[in-house]
C-alpha atoms as a PDB file:
ATOM      1  CA  MET A   1     209.205 160.289 -31.086  1.00  0.00           C
ATOM      2  CA  LEU A   2     212.253 161.969 -32.581  1.00  0.00           C
ATOM      3  CA  GLN A   3     212.974 163.743 -29.299  1.00  0.00           C
ATOM      4  CA  ARG A   4     212.865 160.384 -27.503  1.00  0.00           C
ATOM      5  CA  VAL A   5     215.345 158.959 -30.015  1.00  0.00           C
ATOM      6  CA  VAL A   6     217.693 161.912 -29.466  1.00  0.00           C
ATOM      7  CA  ARG A   7     217.426 161.499 -25.683  1.00  0.00           C
ATOM      8  CA  TRP A   8     218.124 157.780 -26.078  1.00  0.00           C
ATOM      9  CA  LEU A   9     221.236 158.511 -28.149  1.00  0.00           C
ATOM     10  CA  GLU A  10     222.453 160.871 -25.426  1.00  0.00           C
ATOM     11  CA  THR A  11     221.740 158.424 -22.566  1.00  0.00           C
ATOM     12  CA  PRO A  12     223.952 155.333 -22.404  1.00  0.00           C
ATOM     13  CA  ASN A  13     222.328 151.998 -21.507  1.00  0.00           C
ATOM     14  CA  ALA A  14     218.785 153.262 -22.075  1.00  0.00           C
ATOM     15  CA  GLU A  15     216.053 151.179 -23.664  1.00  0.00           C
ATOM     16  CA  PRO A  16     215.593 152.300 -27.282  1.00  0.00           C
ATOM     17  CA  PRO A  17     212.277 154.151 -27.703  1.00  0.00           C
ATOM     18  CA  PHE A  18     211.661 152.295 -30.939  1.00  0.00           C
ATOM     19  CA  ALA A  19     212.054 148.756 -29.546  1.00  0.00           C
ATOM     20  CA  GLY A  20     209.447 146.503 -31.094  1.00  0.00           C
ATOM     21  CA  ARG A  21     208.426 149.020 -33.760  1.00  0.00           C
ATOM     22  CA  ARG A  22     208.887 148.662 -37.483  1.00  0.00           C
ATOM     23  CA  PRO A  23     211.245 151.187 -39.136  1.00  0.00           C
ATOM     24  CA  ALA A  24     208.385 152.339 -41.355  1.00  0.00           C
ATOM     25  CA  ASP A  25     206.375 153.236 -38.231  1.00  0.00           C
ATOM     26  CA  LEU A  26     209.177 155.525 -37.067  1.00  0.00           C
ATOM     27  CA  LEU A  27     209.280 157.441 -40.343  1.00  0.00           C
ATOM     28  CA  ASP A  28     205.520 157.726 -40.731  1.00  0.00           C
ATOM     29  CA  THR A  29     205.126 160.747 -38.440  1.00  0.00           C
ATOM     30  CA  PRO A  30     204.886 164.482 -39.165  1.00  0.00           C
ATOM     31  CA  GLU A  31     207.976 165.062 -37.008  1.00  0.00           C
ATOM     32  CA  ALA A  32     210.054 162.580 -39.019  1.00  0.00           C
ATOM     33  CA  ALA A  33     208.775 164.048 -42.282  1.00  0.00           C
ATOM     34  CA  ALA A  34     209.935 167.517 -41.199  1.00  0.00           C
ATOM     35  CA  VAL A  35     213.383 166.217 -40.243  1.00  0.00           C
ATOM     36  CA  LEU A  36     213.734 164.306 -43.515  1.00  0.00           C
ATOM     37  CA  SER A  37     212.672 167.393 -45.455  1.00  0.00           C
ATOM     38  CA  ARG A  38     215.321 169.530 -43.733  1.00  0.00           C
ATOM     39  CA  LEU A  39     217.937 166.824 -44.279  1.00  0.00           C
ATOM     40  CA  ARG A  40     217.024 166.574 -47.966  1.00  0.00           C
ATOM     41  CA  ALA A  41     217.299 170.368 -48.363  1.00  0.00           C
ATOM     42  CA  TRP A  42     220.663 170.393 -46.572  1.00  0.00           C
ATOM     43  CA  LEU A  43     221.996 167.555 -48.738  1.00  0.00           C
ATOM     44  CA  ASP A  44     220.765 169.262 -51.914  1.00  0.00           C
ATOM     45  CA  ALA A  45     222.490 172.493 -50.882  1.00  0.00           C
ATOM     46  CA  ALA A  46     225.695 170.621 -50.020  1.00  0.00           C
ATOM     47  CA  ASP A  47     225.579 168.802 -53.362  1.00  0.00           C
ATOM     48  CA  GLY A  48     225.242 172.138 -55.163  1.00  0.00           C
ATOM     49  CA  ARG A  49     228.297 173.492 -53.380  1.00  0.00           C
ATOM     50  CA  VAL A  50     230.324 170.405 -54.329  1.00  0.00           C
ATOM     51  CA  SER A  51     229.139 170.623 -57.942  1.00  0.00           C
ATOM     52  CA  ARG A  52     230.183 174.264 -58.250  1.00  0.00           C
ATOM     53  CA  ARG A  53     233.597 173.576 -56.720  1.00  0.00           C
ATOM     54  CA  SER A  54     234.337 170.557 -58.895  1.00  0.00           C
ATOM     55  CA  GLY A  55     232.894 172.082 -62.056  1.00  0.00           C
ATOM     56  CA  ARG A  56     230.154 169.441 -62.314  1.00  0.00           C
ATOM     57  CA  ALA A  57     226.694 170.614 -63.307  1.00  0.00           C
END
């Protein structure tokens, strides 16, 4: 599903692959869980870098 969304974003005027589906249905897949996990790890790492630079703990 995620690959179809990426292809849709790269293809102008294409029918969205998630048309007629609830947002919760899109996130309730192993593929989406893996992407969200990587995003969460990246954001946590980025937040740590900002905290160290600004002196926040």
